[in-house]
Amino acid sequence: MRSLLYIVAVILIIGWALGVFAYSAGGLIHVLLVIAVIALVLGLIRRSAAI
């Protein structure tokens, strides 16, 4: 489950980067960035709690 979370986060960050350079998605791409950051933070918290 943890690797799936990271895959989704990376895909969202790449999508955000492409959207910023292309200026095609507007505010939606920033929402995707926020979701990706939250997913990464949750993954780090869960990993540190498991140790």
PDB file of N, CA and C in Angstrom:
ATOM      1  N   MET A   1       0.831  -1.196   0.000  1.00  0.00           N
ATOM      2  CA  MET A   1       0.000   0.000   0.000  1.00  0.00           C
ATOM      3  C   MET A   1       0.871   1.253   0.000  1.00  0.00           C
ATOM      4  N   ARG A   2       2.002   1.156   0.696  1.00  0.00           N
ATOM      5  CA  ARG A   2       2.877   2.316   0.796  1.00  0.00           C
ATOM      6  C   ARG A   2       3.470   2.681  -0.566  1.00  0.00           C
ATOM      7  N   SER A   3       3.874   1.677  -1.342  1.00  0.00           N
ATOM      8  CA  SER A   3       4.449   1.965  -2.654  1.00  0.00           C
ATOM      9  C   SER A   3       3.401   2.546  -3.592  1.00  0.00           C
ATOM     10  N   LEU A   4       2.167   2.113  -3.473  1.00  0.00           N
ATOM     11  CA  LEU A   4       1.094   2.669  -4.290  1.00  0.00           C
ATOM     12  C   LEU A   4       0.894   4.143  -3.967  1.00  0.00           C
ATOM     13  N   LEU A   5       0.988   4.484  -2.686  1.00  0.00           N
ATOM     14  CA  LEU A   5       0.850   5.876  -2.262  1.00  0.00           C
ATOM     15  C   LEU A   5       1.932   6.740  -2.895  1.00  0.00           C
ATOM     16  N   TYR A   6       3.160   6.249  -2.909  1.00  0.00           N
ATOM     17  CA  TYR A   6       4.257   7.002  -3.505  1.00  0.00           C
ATOM     18  C   TYR A   6       4.111   7.119  -5.020  1.00  0.00           C
ATOM     19  N   ILE A   7       3.619   6.078  -5.660  1.00  0.00           N
ATOM     20  CA  ILE A   7       3.407   6.125  -7.110  1.00  0.00           C
ATOM     21  C   ILE A   7       2.372   7.188  -7.454  1.00  0.00           C
ATOM     22  N   VAL A   8       1.280   7.221  -6.714  1.00  0.00           N
ATOM     23  CA  VAL A   8       0.240   8.229  -6.945  1.00  0.00           C
ATOM     24  C   VAL A   8       0.803   9.631  -6.711  1.00  0.00           C
ATOM     25  N   ALA A   9       1.580   9.803  -5.635  1.00  0.00           N
ATOM     26  CA  ALA A   9       2.151  11.112  -5.330  1.00  0.00           C
ATOM     27  C   ALA A   9       3.097  11.562  -6.442  1.00  0.00           C
ATOM     28  N   VAL A  10       3.927  10.675  -6.942  1.00  0.00           N
ATOM     29  CA  VAL A  10       4.866  11.039  -8.005  1.00  0.00           C
ATOM     30  C   VAL A  10       4.122  11.408  -9.277  1.00  0.00           C
ATOM     31  N   ILE A  11       3.089  10.656  -9.604  1.00  0.00           N
ATOM     32  CA  ILE A  11       2.296  10.966 -10.799  1.00  0.00           C
ATOM     33  C   ILE A  11       1.645  12.333 -10.665  1.00  0.00           C
ATOM     34  N   LEU A  12       1.121  12.641  -9.486  1.00  0.00           N
ATOM     35  CA  LEU A  12       0.488  13.942  -9.278  1.00  0.00           C
ATOM     36  C   LEU A  12       1.499  15.084  -9.343  1.00  0.00           C
ATOM     37  N   ILE A  13       2.691  14.876  -8.804  1.00  0.00           N
ATOM     38  CA  ILE A  13       3.718  15.919  -8.857  1.00  0.00           C
ATOM     39  C   ILE A  13       4.166  16.150 -10.297  1.00  0.00           C
ATOM     40  N   ILE A  14       4.337  15.086 -11.067  1.00  0.00           N
ATOM     41  CA  ILE A  14       4.702  15.237 -12.472  1.00  0.00           C
ATOM     42  C   ILE A  14       3.598  15.968 -13.232  1.00  0.00           C
ATOM     43  N   GLY A  15       2.355  15.612 -12.954  1.00  0.00           N
ATOM     44  CA  GLY A  15       1.230  16.294 -13.590  1.00  0.00           C
ATOM     45  C   GLY A  15       1.189  17.770 -13.238  1.00  0.00           C
ATOM     46  N   TRP A  16       1.493  18.078 -11.975  1.00  0.00           N
ATOM     47  CA  TRP A  16       1.527  19.475 -11.544  1.00  0.00           C
ATOM     48  C   TRP A  16       2.621  20.232 -12.278  1.00  0.00           C
ATOM     49  N   ALA A  17       3.813  19.636 -12.367  1.00  0.00           N
ATOM     50  CA  ALA A  17       4.929  20.296 -13.040  1.00  0.00           C
ATOM     51  C   ALA A  17       4.600  20.554 -14.510  1.00  0.00           C
ATOM     52  N   LEU A  18       3.998  19.578 -15.169  1.00  0.00           N
ATOM     53  CA  LEU A  18       3.616  19.771 -16.566  1.00  0.00           C
ATOM     54  C   LEU A  18       2.560  20.860 -16.706  1.00  0.00           C
ATOM     55  N   GLY A  19       1.622  20.890 -15.786  1.00  0.00           N
ATOM     56  CA  GLY A  19       0.566  21.901 -15.835  1.00  0.00           C
ATOM     57  C   GLY A  19       1.087  23.305 -15.590  1.00  0.00           C
ATOM     58  N   VAL A  20       2.064  23.428 -14.688  1.00  0.00           N
ATOM     59  CA  VAL A  20       2.633  24.749 -14.410  1.00  0.00           C
ATOM     60  C   VAL A  20       3.340  25.280 -15.653  1.00  0.00           C
ATOM     61  N   PHE A  21       4.078  24.416 -16.337  1.00  0.00           N
ATOM     62  CA  PHE A  21       4.813  24.872 -17.514  1.00  0.00           C
ATOM     63  C   PHE A  21       3.890  25.083 -18.711  1.00  0.00           C
ATOM     64  N   ALA A  22       2.819  24.372 -18.782  1.00  0.00           N
ATOM     65  CA  ALA A  22       1.927  24.496 -19.936  1.00  0.00           C
ATOM     66  C   ALA A  22       0.805  25.511 -19.698  1.00  0.00           C
ATOM     67  N   TYR A  23       0.542  25.859 -18.440  1.00  0.00           N
ATOM     68  CA  TYR A  23      -0.543  26.781 -18.072  1.00  0.00           C
ATOM     69  C   TYR A  23      -1.888  26.351 -18.651  1.00  0.00           C
ATOM     70  N   SER A  24      -2.119  25.045 -18.689  1.00  0.00           N
ATOM     71  CA  SER A  24      -3.346  24.585 -19.327  1.00  0.00           C
ATOM     72  C   SER A  24      -4.421  24.165 -18.329  1.00  0.00           C
ATOM     73  N   ALA A  25      -4.041  23.766 -17.120  1.00  0.00           N
ATOM     74  CA  ALA A  25      -5.029  23.221 -16.196  1.00  0.00           C
ATOM     75  C   ALA A  25      -5.487  24.219 -15.145  1.00  0.00           C
ATOM     76  N   GLY A  26      -4.840  25.353 -15.033  1.00  0.00           N
ATOM     77  CA  GLY A  26      -5.270  26.375 -14.088  1.00  0.00           C
ATOM     78  C   GLY A  26      -5.158  25.930 -12.647  1.00  0.00           C
ATOM     79  N   GLY A  27      -6.200  26.198 -11.854  1.00  0.00           N
ATOM     80  CA  GLY A  27      -6.162  25.908 -10.428  1.00  0.00           C
ATOM     81  C   GLY A  27      -6.260  24.435 -10.084  1.00  0.00           C
ATOM     82  N   LEU A  28      -6.785  23.628 -10.989  1.00  0.00           N
ATOM     83  CA  LEU A  28      -6.942  22.204 -10.709  1.00  0.00           C
ATOM     84  C   LEU A  28      -5.606  21.526 -10.457  1.00  0.00           C
ATOM     85  N   ILE A  29      -4.581  21.916 -11.173  1.00  0.00           N
ATOM     86  CA  ILE A  29      -3.289  21.265 -11.041  1.00  0.00           C
ATOM     87  C   ILE A  29      -2.676  21.555  -9.667  1.00  0.00           C
ATOM     88  N   HIS A  30      -2.996  22.705  -9.090  1.00  0.00           N
ATOM     89  CA  HIS A  30      -2.493  23.029  -7.759  1.00  0.00           C
ATOM     90  C   HIS A  30      -3.191  22.192  -6.689  1.00  0.00           C
ATOM     91  N   VAL A  31      -4.439  21.864  -6.929  1.00  0.00           N
ATOM     92  CA  VAL A  31      -5.142  20.954  -6.025  1.00  0.00           C
ATOM     93  C   VAL A  31      -4.478  19.584  -6.066  1.00  0.00           C
ATOM     94  N   LEU A  32      -4.075  19.145  -7.238  1.00  0.00           N
ATOM     95  CA  LEU A  32      -3.375  17.870  -7.364  1.00  0.00           C
ATOM     96  C   LEU A  32      -2.040  17.900  -6.619  1.00  0.00           C
ATOM     97  N   LEU A  33      -1.356  19.027  -6.667  1.00  0.00           N
ATOM     98  CA  LEU A  33      -0.094  19.153  -5.925  1.00  0.00           C
ATOM     99  C   LEU A  33      -0.327  19.030  -4.431  1.00  0.00           C
ATOM    100  N   VAL A  34      -1.352  19.680  -3.931  1.00  0.00           N
ATOM    101  CA  VAL A  34      -1.665  19.609  -2.502  1.00  0.00           C
ATOM    102  C   VAL A  34      -1.981  18.165  -2.110  1.00  0.00           C
ATOM    103  N   ILE A  35      -2.737  17.462  -2.924  1.00  0.00           N
ATOM    104  CA  ILE A  35      -3.057  16.061  -2.638  1.00  0.00           C
ATOM    105  C   ILE A  35      -1.782  15.219  -2.633  1.00  0.00           C
ATOM    106  N   ALA A  36      -0.875  15.473  -3.568  1.00  0.00           N
ATOM    107  CA  ALA A  36       0.377  14.719  -3.622  1.00  0.00           C
ATOM    108  C   ALA A  36       1.228  14.968  -2.378  1.00  0.00           C
ATOM    109  N   VAL A  37       1.318  16.212  -1.951  1.00  0.00           N
ATOM    110  CA  VAL A  37       2.101  16.541  -0.756  1.00  0.00           C
ATOM    111  C   VAL A  37       1.491  15.881   0.476  1.00  0.00           C
ATOM    112  N   ILE A  38       0.176  15.922   0.595  1.00  0.00           N
ATOM    113  CA  ILE A  38      -0.494  15.277   1.725  1.00  0.00           C
ATOM    114  C   ILE A  38      -0.234  13.776   1.700  1.00  0.00           C
ATOM    115  N   ALA A  39      -0.269  13.168   0.520  1.00  0.00           N
ATOM    116  CA  ALA A  39      -0.009  11.733   0.418  1.00  0.00           C
ATOM    117  C   ALA A  39       1.412  11.397   0.856  1.00  0.00           C
ATOM    118  N   LEU A  40       2.377  12.226   0.467  1.00  0.00           N
ATOM    119  CA  LEU A  40       3.763  11.994   0.878  1.00  0.00           C
ATOM    120  C   LEU A  40       3.928  12.142   2.389  1.00  0.00           C
ATOM    121  N   VAL A  41       3.323  13.168   2.949  1.00  0.00           N
ATOM    122  CA  VAL A  41       3.426  13.391   4.399  1.00  0.00           C
ATOM    123  C   VAL A  41       2.790  12.233   5.161  1.00  0.00           C
ATOM    124  N   LEU A  42       1.625  11.789   4.725  1.00  0.00           N
ATOM    125  CA  LEU A  42       0.975  10.661   5.385  1.00  0.00           C
ATOM    126  C   LEU A  42       1.825   9.399   5.277  1.00  0.00           C
ATOM    127  N   GLY A  43       2.455   9.195   4.126  1.00  0.00           N
ATOM    128  CA  GLY A  43       3.328   8.042   3.960  1.00  0.00           C
ATOM    129  C   GLY A  43       4.519   8.092   4.901  1.00  0.00           C
ATOM    130  N   LEU A  44       5.107   9.267   5.056  1.00  0.00           N
ATOM    131  CA  LEU A  44       6.238   9.414   5.971  1.00  0.00           C
ATOM    132  C   LEU A  44       5.810   9.209   7.418  1.00  0.00           C
ATOM    133  N   ILE A  45       4.654   9.726   7.785  1.00  0.00           N
ATOM    134  CA  ILE A  45       4.153   9.566   9.156  1.00  0.00           C
ATOM    135  C   ILE A  45       3.872   8.089   9.443  1.00  0.00           C
ATOM    136  N   ARG A  46       3.251   7.427   8.494  1.00  0.00           N
ATOM    137  CA  ARG A  46       2.923   6.011   8.710  1.00  0.00           C
ATOM    138  C   ARG A  46       4.180   5.153   8.767  1.00  0.00           C
ATOM    139  N   ARG A  47       5.191   5.508   7.958  1.00  0.00           N
ATOM    140  CA  ARG A  47       6.426   4.736   7.969  1.00  0.00           C
ATOM    141  C   ARG A  47       7.162   4.928   9.293  1.00  0.00           C
ATOM    142  N   SER A  48       7.216   6.165   9.809  1.00  0.00           N
ATOM    143  CA  SER A  48       7.907   6.408  11.062  1.00  0.00           C
ATOM    144  C   SER A  48       7.136   5.801  12.245  1.00  0.00           C
ATOM    145  N   ALA A  49       5.837   5.715  12.155  1.00  0.00           N
ATOM    146  CA  ALA A  49       5.038   5.110  13.221  1.00  0.00           C
ATOM    147  C   ALA A  49       5.214   3.598  13.229  1.00  0.00           C
ATOM    148  N   ALA A  50       5.496   2.985  12.085  1.00  0.00           N
ATOM    149  CA  ALA A  50       5.655   1.546  11.998  1.00  0.00           C
ATOM    150  C   ALA A  50       6.998   1.084  12.551  1.00  0.00           C
ATOM    151  N   ILE A  51       7.952   1.991  12.641  1.00  0.00           N
ATOM    152  CA  ILE A  51       9.300   1.623  13.105  1.00  0.00           C
ATOM    153  C   ILE A  51       9.366   1.513  14.586  1.00  0.00           C
TER     154      ILE A  51
END
